[in-house]
Structure formats: C-alpha cells, structure tokens
Amino acid sequence: MRITHTVIDSPYGPLTLVAADGVLSRLYMVGQRHRPPEDTFGERDGGGPFPEVIRQLEAYFAGELTLFELDLNMVGTLFQQRVWRRLQQIPYGETRSYGELAEALGNPNASRAVGLANGKNPVGIIVPCHRVIGANGSLTGYGGGLDRKQRLLAFERGERDDALF
C-alpha cells in the first residue's frame, strides 16, 4: 500500500491529508487527539486524490459546499464504519446527540460506543463528527479540540467567526 500526504492551510489551522493507494484515508488537524507520528503519513505528495479533496475543502470553507462527495478509505471496525456513515447523514448546520445516533443505529443503549467511534473518525470535517453533541446540547469531546468544534458549528450556522478577522 502506498501512503502519501500533503498539508494545506485552512481557517482552522493546517490540515494534513493522508491517502492510501490514492484514496483519502485520514485528515489530521494540528494538536488533534489520536494523531499518529508524522513518519506514518508517507511521502509528501501533491498528486493523487489531493487536488479534488482540496477543491472541495476550499469550497466548504468558502461556504459554497455543504456535502462532500469524495471516495474515502476509512479503516475501522464494522461498528465504527456504521457510525461514520451515519455521521455523513447529519445535514450541514445541524447537530445530533450521541443518543440520537445510537437510536438511529438500532441500539439506543450504545451512546457511549457511538462516542468512542465518533472520536476515532479518521477524516474529520469531511465526515462531520463535529456535528455530534451531548444529550443536553453541550459541546462534548472533539479530537480537534472544543474550540474548533464550536467554530465549525458556528460557521455552519452562518455565524461570523471572529477568530478569522
């Protein structure tokens, strides 16, 4: 398997995009929880899937794209993959609780397992784990940090992000 990566700027800090055999498999933010050592990102490469991924990310950050349409190669357990597919169904600008996701997956008692799978999402932003909140509406855990989560949710609601000005 050929692993390559590139780093791009974003309003939320540099993003490292990692591809396995030419398909996006991971997206990391600076300081992200579960971020592996950089020597696992493979050679630095601007080719592969990156031009289309970058185009869609730029359109998202410009407020012009609300749904990513990219091939993804996300490695995880069957349950994690079910959660990640469900995350992609949360509409832009909306949120769901861990319990609501567990219910949608057919196991209302699995909110803790949903939270763990959500935290292991390998392609944040594109697979919108930032749209998952606590049952009481509170912002809970986000691998990219709660500040980024709050900023991403505010951005999707159309609120001005003072950190960008």
C-alpha atoms as a PDB file:
ATOM      1  CA  MET A   1       0.000   0.000   0.000  1.00  0.00           C
ATOM      2  CA  ARG A   2       1.377   3.399  -0.989  1.00  0.00           C
ATOM      3  CA  ILE A   3       0.828   6.107   1.633  1.00  0.00           C
ATOM      4  CA  THR A   4       1.182   9.784   0.661  1.00  0.00           C
ATOM      5  CA  HIS A   5       0.263  13.058   2.281  1.00  0.00           C
ATOM      6  CA  THR A   6       0.044  16.778   1.788  1.00  0.00           C
ATOM      7  CA  VAL A   7      -0.555  19.696   4.142  1.00  0.00           C
ATOM      8  CA  ILE A   8      -2.929  22.552   3.355  1.00  0.00           C
ATOM      9  CA  ASP A   9      -3.897  25.726   5.155  1.00  0.00           C
ATOM     10  CA  SER A  10      -7.433  26.165   6.435  1.00  0.00           C
ATOM     11  CA  PRO A  11      -9.280  28.669   8.617  1.00  0.00           C
ATOM     12  CA  TYR A  12      -8.875  26.097  11.413  1.00  0.00           C
ATOM     13  CA  GLY A  13      -5.136  25.640  11.063  1.00  0.00           C
ATOM     14  CA  PRO A  14      -3.038  23.377   8.857  1.00  0.00           C
ATOM     15  CA  LEU A  15      -4.704  20.141   7.759  1.00  0.00           C
ATOM     16  CA  THR A  16      -2.711  17.031   6.901  1.00  0.00           C
ATOM     17  CA  LEU A  17      -4.392  14.913   4.243  1.00  0.00           C
ATOM     18  CA  VAL A  18      -3.255  11.288   4.006  1.00  0.00           C
ATOM     19  CA  ALA A  19      -4.079   8.912   1.150  1.00  0.00           C
ATOM     20  CA  ALA A  20      -3.702   5.147   0.911  1.00  0.00           C
ATOM     21  CA  ASP A  21      -3.290   3.922  -2.660  1.00  0.00           C
ATOM     22  CA  GLY A  22      -4.584   7.225  -3.976  1.00  0.00           C
ATOM     23  CA  VAL A  23      -7.750   7.402  -1.829  1.00  0.00           C
ATOM     24  CA  LEU A  24      -8.154   9.805   1.091  1.00  0.00           C
ATOM     25  CA  SER A  25      -7.910   7.827   4.320  1.00  0.00           C
ATOM     26  CA  ARG A  26      -7.134  10.379   7.030  1.00  0.00           C
ATOM     27  CA  LEU A  27      -7.355  14.093   7.798  1.00  0.00           C
ATOM     28  CA  TYR A  28      -5.483  15.477  10.788  1.00  0.00           C
ATOM     29  CA  MET A  29      -5.509  18.859  12.487  1.00  0.00           C
ATOM     30  CA  VAL A  30      -2.615  20.276  14.452  1.00  0.00           C
ATOM     31  CA  GLY A  31      -2.845  19.078  18.048  1.00  0.00           C
ATOM     32  CA  GLN A  32      -5.528  16.521  17.225  1.00  0.00           C
ATOM     33  CA  ARG A  33      -6.123  13.678  19.635  1.00  0.00           C
ATOM     34  CA  HIS A  34      -5.212  10.277  18.136  1.00  0.00           C
ATOM     35  CA  ARG A  35      -2.841  11.947  15.644  1.00  0.00           C
ATOM     36  CA  PRO A  36      -0.091   9.432  14.873  1.00  0.00           C
ATOM     37  CA  PRO A  37       3.548  10.372  14.330  1.00  0.00           C
ATOM     38  CA  GLU A  38       4.215  12.183  11.060  1.00  0.00           C
ATOM     39  CA  ASP A  39       6.525   9.434   9.818  1.00  0.00           C
ATOM     40  CA  THR A  40       3.383   7.297   9.309  1.00  0.00           C
ATOM     41  CA  PHE A  41       1.981   9.782   6.741  1.00  0.00           C
ATOM     42  CA  GLY A  42       4.152   8.502   3.894  1.00  0.00           C
ATOM     43  CA  GLU A  43       5.907  10.655   1.358  1.00  0.00           C
ATOM     44  CA  ARG A  44       4.745  14.213   0.779  1.00  0.00           C
ATOM     45  CA  ASP A  45       2.854  14.407  -2.493  1.00  0.00           C
ATOM     46  CA  GLY A  46       0.592  16.955  -4.130  1.00  0.00           C
ATOM     47  CA  GLY A  47      -0.886  14.445  -6.580  1.00  0.00           C
ATOM     48  CA  GLY A  48      -3.210  11.536  -6.022  1.00  0.00           C
ATOM     49  CA  PRO A  49      -6.645  12.477  -4.737  1.00  0.00           C
ATOM     50  CA  PHE A  50      -5.481  15.701  -3.185  1.00  0.00           C
ATOM     51  CA  PRO A  51      -6.493  18.250  -5.866  1.00  0.00           C
ATOM     52  CA  GLU A  52     -10.166  17.204  -5.642  1.00  0.00           C
ATOM     53  CA  VAL A  53     -10.089  16.935  -1.839  1.00  0.00           C
ATOM     54  CA  ILE A  54      -8.503  20.389  -1.637  1.00  0.00           C
ATOM     55  CA  ARG A  55     -11.042  21.827  -4.088  1.00  0.00           C
ATOM     56  CA  GLN A  56     -13.940  20.519  -2.007  1.00  0.00           C
ATOM     57  CA  LEU A  57     -12.414  21.646   1.292  1.00  0.00           C
ATOM     58  CA  GLU A  58     -11.833  25.151  -0.117  1.00  0.00           C
ATOM     59  CA  ALA A  59     -15.455  25.260  -1.333  1.00  0.00           C
ATOM     60  CA  TYR A  60     -16.632  24.127   2.121  1.00  0.00           C
ATOM     61  CA  PHE A  61     -14.584  26.796   3.891  1.00  0.00           C
ATOM     62  CA  ALA A  62     -15.913  29.411   1.440  1.00  0.00           C
ATOM     63  CA  GLY A  63     -19.471  28.416   2.404  1.00  0.00           C
ATOM     64  CA  GLU A  64     -20.169  27.055  -1.092  1.00  0.00           C
ATOM     65  CA  LEU A  65     -20.228  23.299  -0.318  1.00  0.00           C
ATOM     66  CA  THR A  66     -22.406  21.589   2.259  1.00  0.00           C
ATOM     67  CA  LEU A  67     -21.878  17.941   1.306  1.00  0.00           C
ATOM     68  CA  PHE A  68     -18.576  16.312   0.409  1.00  0.00           C
ATOM     69  CA  GLU A  69     -18.552  13.831  -2.447  1.00  0.00           C
ATOM     70  CA  LEU A  70     -15.237  12.031  -2.162  1.00  0.00           C
ATOM     71  CA  ASP A  71     -14.070   8.451  -2.201  1.00  0.00           C
ATOM     72  CA  LEU A  72     -12.788   7.589   1.263  1.00  0.00           C
ATOM     73  CA  ASN A  73     -10.727   4.676   2.544  1.00  0.00           C
ATOM     74  CA  MET A  74     -11.510   4.693   6.262  1.00  0.00           C
ATOM     75  CA  VAL A  75     -10.207   1.733   8.210  1.00  0.00           C
ATOM     76  CA  GLY A  76     -12.164   0.751  11.302  1.00  0.00           C
ATOM     77  CA  THR A  77     -14.379  -1.875  12.847  1.00  0.00           C
ATOM     78  CA  LEU A  78     -17.762  -2.615  11.285  1.00  0.00           C
ATOM     79  CA  PHE A  79     -19.445  -0.655  14.090  1.00  0.00           C
ATOM     80  CA  GLN A  80     -17.136   2.344  13.605  1.00  0.00           C
ATOM     81  CA  GLN A  81     -17.854   2.325   9.892  1.00  0.00           C
ATOM     82  CA  ARG A  82     -21.600   2.249  10.560  1.00  0.00           C
ATOM     83  CA  VAL A  83     -21.226   5.269  12.867  1.00  0.00           C
ATOM     84  CA  TRP A  84     -19.074   7.124  10.318  1.00  0.00           C
ATOM     85  CA  ARG A  85     -21.661   6.521   7.577  1.00  0.00           C
ATOM     86  CA  ARG A  86     -24.368   7.837   9.915  1.00  0.00           C
ATOM     87  CA  LEU A  87     -22.275  10.951  10.632  1.00  0.00           C
ATOM     88  CA  GLN A  88     -22.271  11.704   6.917  1.00  0.00           C
ATOM     89  CA  GLN A  89     -26.073  11.791   7.013  1.00  0.00           C
ATOM     90  CA  ILE A  90     -26.239  14.633   9.550  1.00  0.00           C
ATOM     91  CA  PRO A  91     -27.256  17.666   7.488  1.00  0.00           C
ATOM     92  CA  TYR A  92     -24.963  20.672   7.225  1.00  0.00           C
ATOM     93  CA  GLY A  93     -25.636  23.161  10.023  1.00  0.00           C
ATOM     94  CA  GLU A  94     -27.481  20.612  12.182  1.00  0.00           C
ATOM     95  CA  THR A  95     -26.419  18.521  15.156  1.00  0.00           C
ATOM     96  CA  ARG A  96     -27.346  15.166  16.638  1.00  0.00           C
ATOM     97  CA  SER A  97     -26.681  13.754  20.077  1.00  0.00           C
ATOM     98  CA  TYR A  98     -24.744  10.559  20.700  1.00  0.00           C
ATOM     99  CA  GLY A  99     -28.006   9.023  21.906  1.00  0.00           C
ATOM    100  CA  GLU A 100     -29.845  10.008  18.736  1.00  0.00           C
ATOM    101  CA  LEU A 101     -27.120   8.375  16.659  1.00  0.00           C
ATOM    102  CA  ALA A 102     -27.279   5.223  18.789  1.00  0.00           C
ATOM    103  CA  GLU A 103     -31.059   5.145  18.330  1.00  0.00           C
ATOM    104  CA  ALA A 104     -30.678   5.608  14.555  1.00  0.00           C
ATOM    105  CA  LEU A 105     -28.250   2.679  14.514  1.00  0.00           C
ATOM    106  CA  GLY A 106     -30.857   0.493  16.204  1.00  0.00           C
ATOM    107  CA  ASN A 107     -29.210   0.325  19.635  1.00  0.00           C
ATOM    108  CA  PRO A 108     -30.381   3.125  21.947  1.00  0.00           C
ATOM    109  CA  ASN A 109     -28.042   1.917  24.707  1.00  0.00           C
ATOM    110  CA  ALA A 110     -24.921   2.358  22.566  1.00  0.00           C
ATOM    111  CA  SER A 111     -24.381   6.105  23.007  1.00  0.00           C
ATOM    112  CA  ARG A 112     -21.025   5.553  24.742  1.00  0.00           C
ATOM    113  CA  ALA A 113     -19.865   3.222  21.925  1.00  0.00           C
ATOM    114  CA  VAL A 114     -21.056   5.808  19.377  1.00  0.00           C
ATOM    115  CA  GLY A 115     -18.975   8.426  21.191  1.00  0.00           C
ATOM    116  CA  LEU A 116     -15.888   6.221  21.054  1.00  0.00           C
ATOM    117  CA  ALA A 117     -16.388   5.514  17.344  1.00  0.00           C
ATOM    118  CA  ASN A 118     -17.014   9.208  16.714  1.00  0.00           C
ATOM    119  CA  GLY A 119     -13.714  10.020  18.433  1.00  0.00           C
ATOM    120  CA  LYS A 120     -11.864   7.614  16.145  1.00  0.00           C
ATOM    121  CA  ASN A 121     -13.239   9.178  12.945  1.00  0.00           C
ATOM    122  CA  PRO A 122     -10.172   9.301  10.683  1.00  0.00           C
ATOM    123  CA  VAL A 123     -11.479  12.004   8.328  1.00  0.00           C
ATOM    124  CA  GLY A 124     -12.762  14.869  10.471  1.00  0.00           C
ATOM    125  CA  ILE A 125     -14.591  17.811   8.868  1.00  0.00           C
ATOM    126  CA  ILE A 126     -15.339  15.734   5.739  1.00  0.00           C
ATOM    127  CA  VAL A 127     -17.035  13.119   7.914  1.00  0.00           C
ATOM    128  CA  PRO A 128     -18.658  15.661  10.237  1.00  0.00           C
ATOM    129  CA  CYS A 129     -18.053  14.318  13.736  1.00  0.00           C
ATOM    130  CA  HIS A 130     -18.124  17.943  14.921  1.00  0.00           C
ATOM    131  CA  ARG A 131     -21.931  17.833  14.458  1.00  0.00           C
ATOM    132  CA  VAL A 132     -22.351  15.427  17.398  1.00  0.00           C
ATOM    133  CA  ILE A 133     -23.201  16.960  20.771  1.00  0.00           C
ATOM    134  CA  GLY A 134     -24.207  15.865  24.254  1.00  0.00           C
ATOM    135  CA  ALA A 135     -27.807  14.954  25.099  1.00  0.00           C
ATOM    136  CA  ASN A 136     -28.279  18.303  26.850  1.00  0.00           C
ATOM    137  CA  GLY A 137     -26.939  20.246  23.864  1.00  0.00           C
ATOM    138  CA  SER A 138     -23.484  20.727  25.355  1.00  0.00           C
ATOM    139  CA  LEU A 139     -20.328  20.541  23.286  1.00  0.00           C
ATOM    140  CA  THR A 140     -18.550  17.392  24.329  1.00  0.00           C
ATOM    141  CA  GLY A 141     -15.328  15.802  23.154  1.00  0.00           C
ATOM    142  CA  TYR A 142     -13.800  16.598  19.808  1.00  0.00           C
ATOM    143  CA  GLY A 143     -10.448  15.262  18.614  1.00  0.00           C
ATOM    144  CA  GLY A 144      -9.628  18.651  17.097  1.00  0.00           C
ATOM    145  CA  GLY A 145     -10.455  20.472  20.343  1.00  0.00           C
ATOM    146  CA  LEU A 146     -13.686  22.001  21.597  1.00  0.00           C
ATOM    147  CA  ASP A 147     -12.703  25.452  20.326  1.00  0.00           C
ATOM    148  CA  ARG A 148     -12.526  24.123  16.751  1.00  0.00           C
ATOM    149  CA  LYS A 149     -15.779  22.225  17.210  1.00  0.00           C
ATOM    150  CA  GLN A 150     -17.534  25.379  18.390  1.00  0.00           C
ATOM    151  CA  ARG A 151     -16.079  27.385  15.494  1.00  0.00           C
ATOM    152  CA  LEU A 152     -17.085  24.753  12.898  1.00  0.00           C
ATOM    153  CA  LEU A 153     -20.644  24.586  14.217  1.00  0.00           C
ATOM    154  CA  ALA A 154     -20.918  28.381  14.301  1.00  0.00           C
ATOM    155  CA  PHE A 155     -19.548  28.561  10.750  1.00  0.00           C
ATOM    156  CA  GLU A 156     -22.136  26.071   9.510  1.00  0.00           C
ATOM    157  CA  ARG A 157     -24.899  28.089  11.200  1.00  0.00           C
ATOM    158  CA  GLY A 158     -23.699  31.166   9.299  1.00  0.00           C
ATOM    159  CA  GLU A 159     -22.331  32.977  12.332  1.00  0.00           C
ATOM    160  CA  ARG A 160     -19.311  35.241  11.997  1.00  0.00           C
ATOM    161  CA  ASP A 161     -16.086  33.631  13.203  1.00  0.00           C
ATOM    162  CA  ASP A 162     -14.183  36.414  14.965  1.00  0.00           C
ATOM    163  CA  ALA A 163     -11.062  34.225  15.013  1.00  0.00           C
ATOM    164  CA  LEU A 164     -10.850  34.711  11.233  1.00  0.00           C
ATOM    165  CA  PHE A 165     -10.959  38.544  11.369  1.00  0.00           C
END
